[in-house]
Amino acid sequence: MASVFLGAFCAPALKARLVAAGRLDTYNLAVEYQFYHALALLAVGLACQDEGTGLLRASSWCFAGGILIFSGSLYVLSVFNMPALGAITPIGGTAFIAGWLLLALGLAQKKRS
């Protein structure tokens, strides 16, 4: 829901500032990745509904951390023009990748049991 708000309401309000700074694409990327990984969090929640594995729970933490670090750093970078935060963005991307791997392993483990 936050990604919908940030994309639908904040982007138009900030558009002139983001365009002037050349950061509109960066902001839109943050919104897009937040949206997709929020959906992944919902999928993990549904998979854990009856019984979750440690791998599934770990994947949810990776997705949440990835949203915070990846999208969060891109939001701050684009809105406040703080390029130094770009250095931590790959950490969030790595968390996303780990989340997808843990989700796949957790679902495979759950299917076997």
PDB file of N, CA and C in Angstrom:
ATOM      1  N   MET A   1       0.819  -1.180   0.000  1.00  0.00           N
ATOM      2  CA  MET A   1       0.000   0.000   0.000  1.00  0.00           C
ATOM      3  C   MET A   1       0.870   1.255   0.000  1.00  0.00           C
ATOM      4  N   ALA A   2       1.969   1.193   0.713  1.00  0.00           N
ATOM      5  CA  ALA A   2       2.864   2.352   0.756  1.00  0.00           C
ATOM      6  C   ALA A   2       3.431   2.647  -0.625  1.00  0.00           C
ATOM      7  N   SER A   3       3.737   1.592  -1.396  1.00  0.00           N
ATOM      8  CA  SER A   3       4.289   1.825  -2.731  1.00  0.00           C
ATOM      9  C   SER A   3       3.260   2.462  -3.649  1.00  0.00           C
ATOM     10  N   VAL A   4       1.991   2.091  -3.491  1.00  0.00           N
ATOM     11  CA  VAL A   4       0.932   2.717  -4.287  1.00  0.00           C
ATOM     12  C   VAL A   4       0.823   4.191  -3.919  1.00  0.00           C
ATOM     13  N   PHE A   5       0.866   4.492  -2.624  1.00  0.00           N
ATOM     14  CA  PHE A   5       0.810   5.881  -2.171  1.00  0.00           C
ATOM     15  C   PHE A   5       2.000   6.675  -2.714  1.00  0.00           C
ATOM     16  N   LEU A   6       3.184   6.108  -2.581  1.00  0.00           N
ATOM     17  CA  LEU A   6       4.387   6.812  -3.031  1.00  0.00           C
ATOM     18  C   LEU A   6       4.393   7.013  -4.541  1.00  0.00           C
ATOM     19  N   GLY A   7       3.870   6.040  -5.270  1.00  0.00           N
ATOM     20  CA  GLY A   7       3.829   6.158  -6.725  1.00  0.00           C
ATOM     21  C   GLY A   7       2.724   7.060  -7.228  1.00  0.00           C
ATOM     22  N   ALA A   8       1.555   6.969  -6.599  1.00  0.00           N
ATOM     23  CA  ALA A   8       0.395   7.705  -7.101  1.00  0.00           C
ATOM     24  C   ALA A   8       0.303   9.136  -6.591  1.00  0.00           C
ATOM     25  N   PHE A   9       0.730   9.365  -5.369  1.00  0.00           N
ATOM     26  CA  PHE A   9       0.544  10.693  -4.785  1.00  0.00           C
ATOM     27  C   PHE A   9       1.845  11.475  -4.630  1.00  0.00           C
ATOM     28  N   CYS A  10       2.885  10.821  -4.159  1.00  0.00           N
ATOM     29  CA  CYS A  10       4.138  11.548  -3.907  1.00  0.00           C
ATOM     30  C   CYS A  10       4.887  11.871  -5.192  1.00  0.00           C
ATOM     31  N   ALA A  11       4.931  10.935  -6.131  1.00  0.00           N
ATOM     32  CA  ALA A  11       5.686  11.181  -7.363  1.00  0.00           C
ATOM     33  C   ALA A  11       5.183  12.415  -8.111  1.00  0.00           C
ATOM     34  N   PRO A  12       3.862  12.578  -8.301  1.00  0.00           N
ATOM     35  CA  PRO A  12       3.412  13.806  -8.977  1.00  0.00           C
ATOM     36  C   PRO A  12       3.757  15.075  -8.197  1.00  0.00           C
ATOM     37  N   ALA A  13       3.662  15.011  -6.885  1.00  0.00           N
ATOM     38  CA  ALA A  13       3.971  16.190  -6.066  1.00  0.00           C
ATOM     39  C   ALA A  13       5.457  16.528  -6.123  1.00  0.00           C
ATOM     40  N   LEU A  14       6.289  15.516  -6.278  1.00  0.00           N
ATOM     41  CA  LEU A  14       7.739  15.716  -6.300  1.00  0.00           C
ATOM     42  C   LEU A  14       8.321  15.742  -7.708  1.00  0.00           C
ATOM     43  N   LYS A  15       7.465  15.591  -8.722  1.00  0.00           N
ATOM     44  CA  LYS A  15       7.950  15.384 -10.086  1.00  0.00           C
ATOM     45  C   LYS A  15       8.918  16.472 -10.544  1.00  0.00           C
ATOM     46  N   ALA A  16       8.581  17.734 -10.336  1.00  0.00           N
ATOM     47  CA  ALA A  16       9.456  18.819 -10.790  1.00  0.00           C
ATOM     48  C   ALA A  16      10.832  18.720 -10.129  1.00  0.00           C
ATOM     49  N   ARG A  17      10.828  18.430  -8.844  1.00  0.00           N
ATOM     50  CA  ARG A  17      12.095  18.314  -8.106  1.00  0.00           C
ATOM     51  C   ARG A  17      12.902  17.114  -8.593  1.00  0.00           C
ATOM     52  N   LEU A  18      12.212  15.979  -8.816  1.00  0.00           N
ATOM     53  CA  LEU A  18      12.897  14.771  -9.264  1.00  0.00           C
ATOM     54  C   LEU A  18      13.440  14.927 -10.679  1.00  0.00           C
ATOM     55  N   VAL A  19      12.662  15.563 -11.556  1.00  0.00           N
ATOM     56  CA  VAL A  19      13.112  15.782 -12.934  1.00  0.00           C
ATOM     57  C   VAL A  19      14.308  16.728 -12.948  1.00  0.00           C
ATOM     58  N   ALA A  20      14.236  17.801 -12.166  1.00  0.00           N
ATOM     59  CA  ALA A  20      15.342  18.768 -12.111  1.00  0.00           C
ATOM     60  C   ALA A  20      16.633  18.110 -11.631  1.00  0.00           C
ATOM     61  N   ALA A  21      16.507  17.174 -10.706  1.00  0.00           N
ATOM     62  CA  ALA A  21      17.687  16.478 -10.181  1.00  0.00           C
ATOM     63  C   ALA A  21      18.081  15.278 -11.047  1.00  0.00           C
ATOM     64  N   GLY A  22      17.259  14.963 -12.061  1.00  0.00           N
ATOM     65  CA  GLY A  22      17.530  13.798 -12.900  1.00  0.00           C
ATOM     66  C   GLY A  22      17.319  12.490 -12.170  1.00  0.00           C
ATOM     67  N   ARG A  23      16.388  12.483 -11.213  1.00  0.00           N
ATOM     68  CA  ARG A  23      16.194  11.311 -10.348  1.00  0.00           C
ATOM     69  C   ARG A  23      14.808  10.682 -10.453  1.00  0.00           C
ATOM     70  N   LEU A  24      14.014  11.060 -11.441  1.00  0.00           N
ATOM     71  CA  LEU A  24      12.668  10.495 -11.552  1.00  0.00           C
ATOM     72  C   LEU A  24      12.719   8.987 -11.783  1.00  0.00           C
ATOM     73  N   ASP A  25      13.624   8.541 -12.653  1.00  0.00           N
ATOM     74  CA  ASP A  25      13.751   7.099 -12.910  1.00  0.00           C
ATOM     75  C   ASP A  25      14.183   6.341 -11.658  1.00  0.00           C
ATOM     76  N   THR A  26      15.050   6.938 -10.871  1.00  0.00           N
ATOM     77  CA  THR A  26      15.504   6.318  -9.625  1.00  0.00           C
ATOM     78  C   THR A  26      14.339   6.156  -8.662  1.00  0.00           C
ATOM     79  N   TYR A  27      13.533   7.202  -8.530  1.00  0.00           N
ATOM     80  CA  TYR A  27      12.367   7.167  -7.647  1.00  0.00           C
ATOM     81  C   TYR A  27      11.383   6.092  -8.113  1.00  0.00           C
ATOM     82  N   ASN A  28      11.120   6.052  -9.426  1.00  0.00           N
ATOM     83  CA  ASN A  28      10.184   5.058  -9.963  1.00  0.00           C
ATOM     84  C   ASN A  28      10.693   3.636  -9.763  1.00  0.00           C
ATOM     85  N   LEU A  29      12.003   3.438  -9.862  1.00  0.00           N
ATOM     86  CA  LEU A  29      12.584   2.116  -9.614  1.00  0.00           C
ATOM     87  C   LEU A  29      12.362   1.691  -8.164  1.00  0.00           C
ATOM     88  N   ALA A  30      12.524   2.630  -7.240  1.00  0.00           N
ATOM     89  CA  ALA A  30      12.295   2.336  -5.819  1.00  0.00           C
ATOM     90  C   ALA A  30      10.849   1.925  -5.584  1.00  0.00           C
ATOM     91  N   VAL A  31       9.913   2.640  -6.192  1.00  0.00           N
ATOM     92  CA  VAL A  31       8.488   2.314  -6.045  1.00  0.00           C
ATOM     93  C   VAL A  31       8.206   0.925  -6.607  1.00  0.00           C
ATOM     94  N   GLU A  32       8.745   0.647  -7.793  1.00  0.00           N
ATOM     95  CA  GLU A  32       8.496  -0.635  -8.457  1.00  0.00           C
ATOM     96  C   GLU A  32       9.026  -1.814  -7.636  1.00  0.00           C
ATOM     97  N   TYR A  33      10.251  -1.709  -7.163  1.00  0.00           N
ATOM     98  CA  TYR A  33      10.828  -2.800  -6.380  1.00  0.00           C
ATOM     99  C   TYR A  33      10.128  -2.964  -5.033  1.00  0.00           C
ATOM    100  N   GLN A  34       9.718  -1.865  -4.440  1.00  0.00           N
ATOM    101  CA  GLN A  34       8.968  -1.969  -3.185  1.00  0.00           C
ATOM    102  C   GLN A  34       7.655  -2.702  -3.428  1.00  0.00           C
ATOM    103  N   PHE A  35       6.979  -2.369  -4.505  1.00  0.00           N
ATOM    104  CA  PHE A  35       5.696  -2.998  -4.821  1.00  0.00           C
ATOM    105  C   PHE A  35       5.856  -4.507  -5.032  1.00  0.00           C
ATOM    106  N   TYR A  36       6.798  -4.900  -5.882  1.00  0.00           N
ATOM    107  CA  TYR A  36       6.973  -6.327  -6.180  1.00  0.00           C
ATOM    108  C   TYR A  36       7.375  -7.129  -4.944  1.00  0.00           C
ATOM    109  N   HIS A  37       8.216  -6.554  -4.119  1.00  0.00           N
ATOM    110  CA  HIS A  37       8.672  -7.304  -2.952  1.00  0.00           C
ATOM    111  C   HIS A  37       7.662  -7.277  -1.809  1.00  0.00           C
ATOM    112  N   ALA A  38       6.773  -6.297  -1.810  1.00  0.00           N
ATOM    113  CA  ALA A  38       5.644  -6.345  -0.872  1.00  0.00           C
ATOM    114  C   ALA A  38       4.718  -7.498  -1.261  1.00  0.00           C
ATOM    115  N   LEU A  39       4.538  -7.708  -2.562  1.00  0.00           N
ATOM    116  CA  LEU A  39       3.755  -8.864  -3.017  1.00  0.00           C
ATOM    117  C   LEU A  39       4.449 -10.171  -2.629  1.00  0.00           C
ATOM    118  N   ALA A  40       5.769 -10.198  -2.719  1.00  0.00           N
ATOM    119  CA  ALA A  40       6.514 -11.389  -2.294  1.00  0.00           C
ATOM    120  C   ALA A  40       6.308 -11.648  -0.807  1.00  0.00           C
ATOM    121  N   LEU A  41       6.280 -10.585  -0.009  1.00  0.00           N
ATOM    122  CA  LEU A  41       6.004 -10.745   1.428  1.00  0.00           C
ATOM    123  C   LEU A  41       4.619 -11.341   1.657  1.00  0.00           C
ATOM    124  N   LEU A  42       3.647 -10.915   0.870  1.00  0.00           N
ATOM    125  CA  LEU A  42       2.304 -11.502   0.980  1.00  0.00           C
ATOM    126  C   LEU A  42       2.332 -12.986   0.624  1.00  0.00           C
ATOM    127  N   ALA A  43       3.082 -13.341  -0.412  1.00  0.00           N
ATOM    128  CA  ALA A  43       3.193 -14.746  -0.807  1.00  0.00           C
ATOM    129  C   ALA A  43       3.824 -15.576   0.307  1.00  0.00           C
ATOM    130  N   VAL A  44       4.842 -15.039   0.944  1.00  0.00           N
ATOM    131  CA  VAL A  44       5.478 -15.748   2.065  1.00  0.00           C
ATOM    132  C   VAL A  44       4.477 -15.912   3.200  1.00  0.00           C
ATOM    133  N   GLY A  45       3.716 -14.869   3.480  1.00  0.00           N
ATOM    134  CA  GLY A  45       2.701 -14.952   4.532  1.00  0.00           C
ATOM    135  C   GLY A  45       1.675 -16.031   4.247  1.00  0.00           C
ATOM    136  N   LEU A  46       1.251 -16.131   2.991  1.00  0.00           N
ATOM    137  CA  LEU A  46       0.297 -17.179   2.617  1.00  0.00           C
ATOM    138  C   LEU A  46       0.932 -18.560   2.724  1.00  0.00           C
ATOM    139  N   ALA A  47       2.189 -18.675   2.344  1.00  0.00           N
ATOM    140  CA  ALA A  47       2.880 -19.966   2.424  1.00  0.00           C
ATOM    141  C   ALA A  47       3.090 -20.402   3.866  1.00  0.00           C
ATOM    142  N   CYS A  48       3.202 -19.454   4.771  1.00  0.00           N
ATOM    143  CA  CYS A  48       3.434 -19.761   6.190  1.00  0.00           C
ATOM    144  C   CYS A  48       2.138 -19.897   6.975  1.00  0.00           C
ATOM    145  N   GLN A  49       1.006 -19.757   6.312  1.00  0.00           N
ATOM    146  CA  GLN A  49      -0.266 -19.713   7.020  1.00  0.00           C
ATOM    147  C   GLN A  49      -0.506 -20.952   7.877  1.00  0.00           C
ATOM    148  N   ASP A  50      -0.320 -22.128   7.310  1.00  0.00           N
ATOM    149  CA  ASP A  50      -0.555 -23.338   8.094  1.00  0.00           C
ATOM    150  C   ASP A  50       0.678 -23.709   8.914  1.00  0.00           C
ATOM    151  N   GLU A  51       1.811 -23.737   8.288  1.00  0.00           N
ATOM    152  CA  GLU A  51       3.059 -23.962   9.015  1.00  0.00           C
ATOM    153  C   GLU A  51       4.197 -23.389   8.189  1.00  0.00           C
ATOM    154  N   GLY A  52       5.001 -22.627   8.818  1.00  0.00           N
ATOM    155  CA  GLY A  52       6.118 -22.013   8.114  1.00  0.00           C
ATOM    156  C   GLY A  52       7.420 -22.695   8.473  1.00  0.00           C
ATOM    157  N   THR A  53       8.351 -22.601   7.583  1.00  0.00           N
ATOM    158  CA  THR A  53       9.680 -23.117   7.873  1.00  0.00           C
ATOM    159  C   THR A  53      10.577 -21.939   8.230  1.00  0.00           C
ATOM    160  N   GLY A  54      11.695 -22.241   8.815  1.00  0.00           N
ATOM    161  CA  GLY A  54      12.657 -21.191   9.132  1.00  0.00           C
ATOM    162  C   GLY A  54      13.141 -20.475   7.880  1.00  0.00           C
ATOM    163  N   LEU A  55      13.234 -21.228   6.769  1.00  0.00           N
ATOM    164  CA  LEU A  55      13.670 -20.620   5.514  1.00  0.00           C
ATOM    165  C   LEU A  55      12.657 -19.599   5.015  1.00  0.00           C
ATOM    166  N   LEU A  56      11.375 -19.914   5.155  1.00  0.00           N
ATOM    167  CA  LEU A  56      10.341 -18.969   4.725  1.00  0.00           C
ATOM    168  C   LEU A  56      10.352 -17.719   5.592  1.00  0.00           C
ATOM    169  N   ARG A  57      10.515 -17.919   6.883  1.00  0.00           N
ATOM    170  CA  ARG A  57      10.589 -16.742   7.770  1.00  0.00           C
ATOM    171  C   ARG A  57      11.814 -15.899   7.449  1.00  0.00           C
ATOM    172  N   ALA A  58      12.923 -16.558   7.175  1.00  0.00           N
ATOM    173  CA  ALA A  58      14.144 -15.825   6.815  1.00  0.00           C
ATOM    174  C   ALA A  58      13.951 -15.055   5.510  1.00  0.00           C
ATOM    175  N   SER A  59      13.217 -15.647   4.565  1.00  0.00           N
ATOM    176  CA  SER A  59      12.973 -14.941   3.303  1.00  0.00           C
ATOM    177  C   SER A  59      12.156 -13.678   3.534  1.00  0.00           C
ATOM    178  N   SER A  60      11.206 -13.749   4.466  1.00  0.00           N
ATOM    179  CA  SER A  60      10.401 -12.549   4.741  1.00  0.00           C
ATOM    180  C   SER A  60      11.265 -11.436   5.324  1.00  0.00           C
ATOM    181  N   TRP A  61      12.212 -11.790   6.181  1.00  0.00           N
ATOM    182  CA  TRP A  61      13.121 -10.785   6.738  1.00  0.00           C
ATOM    183  C   TRP A  61      14.007 -10.196   5.648  1.00  0.00           C
ATOM    184  N   CYS A  62      14.442 -11.030   4.718  1.00  0.00           N
ATOM    185  CA  CYS A  62      15.263 -10.527   3.609  1.00  0.00           C
ATOM    186  C   CYS A  62      14.472  -9.570   2.726  1.00  0.00           C
ATOM    187  N   PHE A  63      13.221  -9.933   2.428  1.00  0.00           N
ATOM    188  CA  PHE A  63      12.394  -9.039   1.612  1.00  0.00           C
ATOM    189  C   PHE A  63      12.146  -7.715   2.331  1.00  0.00           C
ATOM    190  N   ALA A  64      11.821  -7.784   3.610  1.00  0.00           N
ATOM    191  CA  ALA A  64      11.562  -6.555   4.375  1.00  0.00           C
ATOM    192  C   ALA A  64      12.825  -5.695   4.464  1.00  0.00           C
ATOM    193  N   GLY A  65      13.953  -6.337   4.744  1.00  0.00           N
ATOM    194  CA  GLY A  65      15.212  -5.595   4.798  1.00  0.00           C
ATOM    195  C   GLY A  65      15.595  -5.018   3.448  1.00  0.00           C
ATOM    196  N   GLY A  66      15.339  -5.779   2.396  1.00  0.00           N
ATOM    197  CA  GLY A  66      15.626  -5.293   1.047  1.00  0.00           C
ATOM    198  C   GLY A  66      14.788  -4.080   0.691  1.00  0.00           C
ATOM    199  N   ILE A  67      13.512  -4.120   1.058  1.00  0.00           N
ATOM    200  CA  ILE A  67      12.644  -2.965   0.809  1.00  0.00           C
ATOM    201  C   ILE A  67      13.181  -1.751   1.545  1.00  0.00           C
ATOM    202  N   LEU A  68      13.505  -1.947   2.806  1.00  0.00           N
ATOM    203  CA  LEU A  68      13.998  -0.830   3.614  1.00  0.00           C
ATOM    204  C   LEU A  68      15.309  -0.268   3.059  1.00  0.00           C
ATOM    205  N   ILE A  69      16.257  -1.148   2.761  1.00  0.00           N
ATOM    206  CA  ILE A  69      17.582  -0.679   2.341  1.00  0.00           C
ATOM    207  C   ILE A  69      17.602  -0.279   0.867  1.00  0.00           C
ATOM    208  N   PHE A  70      17.094  -1.148  -0.020  1.00  0.00           N
ATOM    209  CA  PHE A  70      17.149  -0.853  -1.455  1.00  0.00           C
ATOM    210  C   PHE A  70      16.233   0.312  -1.800  1.00  0.00           C
ATOM    211  N   SER A  71      14.936   0.125  -1.570  1.00  0.00           N
ATOM    212  CA  SER A  71      13.991   1.185  -1.937  1.00  0.00           C
ATOM    213  C   SER A  71      14.194   2.425  -1.079  1.00  0.00           C
ATOM    214  N   GLY A  72      14.420   2.224   0.211  1.00  0.00           N
ATOM    215  CA  GLY A  72      14.612   3.364   1.104  1.00  0.00           C
ATOM    216  C   GLY A  72      15.791   4.227   0.696  1.00  0.00           C
ATOM    217  N   SER A  73      16.911   3.589   0.357  1.00  0.00           N
ATOM    218  CA  SER A  73      18.081   4.373  -0.055  1.00  0.00           C
ATOM    219  C   SER A  73      17.823   5.099  -1.370  1.00  0.00           C
ATOM    220  N   LEU A  74      17.079   4.460  -2.281  1.00  0.00           N
ATOM    221  CA  LEU A  74      16.763   5.126  -3.543  1.00  0.00           C
ATOM    222  C   LEU A  74      15.796   6.289  -3.343  1.00  0.00           C
ATOM    223  N   TYR A  75      14.844   6.146  -2.414  1.00  0.00           N
ATOM    224  CA  TYR A  75      13.946   7.268  -2.115  1.00  0.00           C
ATOM    225  C   TYR A  75      14.734   8.461  -1.582  1.00  0.00           C
ATOM    226  N   VAL A  76      15.586   8.204  -0.606  1.00  0.00           N
ATOM    227  CA  VAL A  76      16.364   9.296  -0.009  1.00  0.00           C
ATOM    228  C   VAL A  76      17.326   9.883  -1.040  1.00  0.00           C
ATOM    229  N   LEU A  77      17.961   9.021  -1.826  1.00  0.00           N
ATOM    230  CA  LEU A  77      18.873   9.474  -2.871  1.00  0.00           C
ATOM    231  C   LEU A  77      18.165  10.388  -3.861  1.00  0.00           C
ATOM    232  N   SER A  78      16.973   9.987  -4.297  1.00  0.00           N
ATOM    233  CA  SER A  78      16.280  10.763  -5.321  1.00  0.00           C
ATOM    234  C   SER A  78      15.629  12.028  -4.777  1.00  0.00           C
ATOM    235  N   VAL A  79      15.046  11.980  -3.599  1.00  0.00           N
ATOM    236  CA  VAL A  79      14.333  13.140  -3.058  1.00  0.00           C
ATOM    237  C   VAL A  79      15.296  14.166  -2.469  1.00  0.00           C
ATOM    238  N   PHE A  80      16.316  13.702  -1.760  1.00  0.00           N
ATOM    239  CA  PHE A  80      17.231  14.625  -1.081  1.00  0.00           C
ATOM    240  C   PHE A  80      18.582  14.757  -1.783  1.00  0.00           C
ATOM    241  N   ASN A  81      18.722  14.083  -2.949  1.00  0.00           N
ATOM    242  CA  ASN A  81      19.945  14.144  -3.753  1.00  0.00           C
ATOM    243  C   ASN A  81      21.189  13.859  -2.902  1.00  0.00           C
ATOM    244  N   MET A  82      21.150  12.691  -2.266  1.00  0.00           N
ATOM    245  CA  MET A  82      22.267  12.254  -1.419  1.00  0.00           C
ATOM    246  C   MET A  82      22.938  11.044  -2.073  1.00  0.00           C
ATOM    247  N   PRO A  83      23.837  11.271  -3.036  1.00  0.00           N
ATOM    248  CA  PRO A  83      24.436  10.158  -3.774  1.00  0.00           C
ATOM    249  C   PRO A  83      25.219   9.169  -2.919  1.00  0.00           C
ATOM    250  N   ALA A  84      25.670   9.575  -1.757  1.00  0.00           N
ATOM    251  CA  ALA A  84      26.416   8.657  -0.890  1.00  0.00           C
ATOM    252  C   ALA A  84      25.576   7.448  -0.504  1.00  0.00           C
ATOM    253  N   LEU A  85      24.258   7.622  -0.446  1.00  0.00           N
ATOM    254  CA  LEU A  85      23.392   6.493  -0.087  1.00  0.00           C
ATOM    255  C   LEU A  85      23.337   5.435  -1.179  1.00  0.00           C
ATOM    256  N   GLY A  86      23.742   5.797  -2.384  1.00  0.00           N
ATOM    257  CA  GLY A  86      23.781   4.810  -3.459  1.00  0.00           C
ATOM    258  C   GLY A  86      24.714   3.654  -3.144  1.00  0.00           C
ATOM    259  N   ALA A  87      25.646   3.868  -2.243  1.00  0.00           N
ATOM    260  CA  ALA A  87      26.601   2.817  -1.873  1.00  0.00           C
ATOM    261  C   ALA A  87      25.942   1.667  -1.120  1.00  0.00           C
ATOM    262  N   ILE A  88      24.843   1.927  -0.409  1.00  0.00           N
ATOM    263  CA  ILE A  88      24.200   0.839   0.342  1.00  0.00           C
ATOM    264  C   ILE A  88      23.085   0.157  -0.448  1.00  0.00           C
ATOM    265  N   THR A  89      22.705   0.731  -1.579  1.00  0.00           N
ATOM    266  CA  THR A  89      21.627   0.148  -2.380  1.00  0.00           C
ATOM    267  C   THR A  89      21.908  -1.307  -2.758  1.00  0.00           C
ATOM    268  N   PRO A  90      23.125  -1.675  -3.176  1.00  0.00           N
ATOM    269  CA  PRO A  90      23.382  -3.083  -3.507  1.00  0.00           C
ATOM    270  C   PRO A  90      23.180  -4.045  -2.336  1.00  0.00           C
ATOM    271  N   ILE A  91      23.322  -3.562  -1.120  1.00  0.00           N
ATOM    272  CA  ILE A  91      23.061  -4.424   0.041  1.00  0.00           C
ATOM    273  C   ILE A  91      21.592  -4.832   0.042  1.00  0.00           C
ATOM    274  N   GLY A  92      20.717  -3.880  -0.248  1.00  0.00           N
ATOM    275  CA  GLY A  92      19.292  -4.191  -0.346  1.00  0.00           C
ATOM    276  C   GLY A  92      18.997  -5.130  -1.501  1.00  0.00           C
ATOM    277  N   GLY A  93      19.688  -4.932  -2.630  1.00  0.00           N
ATOM    278  CA  GLY A  93      19.521  -5.835  -3.769  1.00  0.00           C
ATOM    279  C   GLY A  93      19.957  -7.250  -3.436  1.00  0.00           C
ATOM    280  N   THR A  94      21.030  -7.363  -2.681  1.00  0.00           N
ATOM    281  CA  THR A  94      21.497  -8.677  -2.234  1.00  0.00           C
ATOM    282  C   THR A  94      20.472  -9.322  -1.306  1.00  0.00           C
ATOM    283  N   ALA A  95      19.845  -8.518  -0.461  1.00  0.00           N
ATOM    284  CA  ALA A  95      18.795  -9.041   0.422  1.00  0.00           C
ATOM    285  C   ALA A  95      17.616  -9.555  -0.399  1.00  0.00           C
ATOM    286  N   PHE A  96      17.269  -8.848  -1.479  1.00  0.00           N
ATOM    287  CA  PHE A  96      16.191  -9.321  -2.355  1.00  0.00           C
ATOM    288  C   PHE A  96      16.544 -10.676  -2.966  1.00  0.00           C
ATOM    289  N   ILE A  97      17.751 -10.797  -3.484  1.00  0.00           N
ATOM    290  CA  ILE A  97      18.183 -12.060  -4.094  1.00  0.00           C
ATOM    291  C   ILE A  97      18.159 -13.187  -3.062  1.00  0.00           C
ATOM    292  N   ALA A  98      18.670 -12.911  -1.870  1.00  0.00           N
ATOM    293  CA  ALA A  98      18.646 -13.915  -0.803  1.00  0.00           C
ATOM    294  C   ALA A  98      17.214 -14.288  -0.451  1.00  0.00           C
ATOM    295  N   GLY A  99      16.329 -13.309  -0.431  1.00  0.00           N
ATOM    296  CA  GLY A  99      14.922 -13.573  -0.133  1.00  0.00           C
ATOM    297  C   GLY A  99      14.292 -14.523  -1.136  1.00  0.00           C
ATOM    298  N   TRP A 100      14.573 -14.294  -2.435  1.00  0.00           N
ATOM    299  CA  TRP A 100      14.008 -15.179  -3.464  1.00  0.00           C
ATOM    300  C   TRP A 100      14.584 -16.590  -3.353  1.00  0.00           C
ATOM    301  N   LEU A 101      15.880 -16.696  -3.094  1.00  0.00           N
ATOM    302  CA  LEU A 101      16.492 -18.021  -2.933  1.00  0.00           C
ATOM    303  C   LEU A 101      15.925 -18.749  -1.718  1.00  0.00           C
ATOM    304  N   LEU A 102      15.803 -18.044  -0.605  1.00  0.00           N
ATOM    305  CA  LEU A 102      15.246 -18.654   0.605  1.00  0.00           C
ATOM    306  C   LEU A 102      13.782 -19.030   0.416  1.00  0.00           C
ATOM    307  N   LEU A 103      13.039 -18.212  -0.323  1.00  0.00           N
ATOM    308  CA  LEU A 103      11.640 -18.543  -0.604  1.00  0.00           C
ATOM    309  C   LEU A 103      11.555 -19.835  -1.411  1.00  0.00           C
ATOM    310  N   ALA A 104      12.374 -19.949  -2.450  1.00  0.00           N
ATOM    311  CA  ALA A 104      12.364 -21.166  -3.270  1.00  0.00           C
ATOM    312  C   ALA A 104      12.759 -22.389  -2.447  1.00  0.00           C
ATOM    313  N   LEU A 105      13.814 -22.265  -1.653  1.00  0.00           N
ATOM    314  CA  LEU A 105      14.244 -23.386  -0.814  1.00  0.00           C
ATOM    315  C   LEU A 105      13.199 -23.727   0.241  1.00  0.00           C
ATOM    316  N   GLY A 106      12.596 -22.715   0.832  1.00  0.00           N
ATOM    317  CA  GLY A 106      11.572 -22.943   1.853  1.00  0.00           C
ATOM    318  C   GLY A 106      10.341 -23.626   1.291  1.00  0.00           C
ATOM    319  N   LEU A 107       9.930 -23.220   0.083  1.00  0.00           N
ATOM    320  CA  LEU A 107       8.774 -23.869  -0.543  1.00  0.00           C
ATOM    321  C   LEU A 107       9.094 -25.308  -0.917  1.00  0.00           C
ATOM    322  N   ALA A 108      10.320 -25.555  -1.397  1.00  0.00           N
ATOM    323  CA  ALA A 108      10.727 -26.929  -1.719  1.00  0.00           C
ATOM    324  C   ALA A 108      10.763 -27.786  -0.460  1.00  0.00           C
ATOM    325  N   GLN A 109      11.280 -27.225   0.628  1.00  0.00           N
ATOM    326  CA  GLN A 109      11.332 -27.954   1.894  1.00  0.00           C
ATOM    327  C   GLN A 109       9.925 -28.242   2.403  1.00  0.00           C
ATOM    328  N   LYS A 110       9.051 -27.276   2.279  1.00  0.00           N
ATOM    329  CA  LYS A 110       7.675 -27.451   2.750  1.00  0.00           C
ATOM    330  C   LYS A 110       6.951 -28.509   1.919  1.00  0.00           C
ATOM    331  N   LYS A 111       7.222 -28.537   0.621  1.00  0.00           N
ATOM    332  CA  LYS A 111       6.582 -29.509  -0.262  1.00  0.00           C
ATOM    333  C   LYS A 111       7.018 -30.933   0.085  1.00  0.00           C
ATOM    334  N   ARG A 112       8.283 -31.100   0.484  1.00  0.00           N
ATOM    335  CA  ARG A 112       8.794 -32.423   0.846  1.00  0.00           C
ATOM    336  C   ARG A 112       8.220 -32.938   2.154  1.00  0.00           C
ATOM    337  N   SER A 113       7.857 -32.036   3.054  1.00  0.00           N
ATOM    338  CA  SER A 113       7.390 -32.493   4.373  1.00  0.00           C
ATOM    339  C   SER A 113       5.898 -32.681   4.426  1.00  0.00           C
TER     340      SER A 113
END
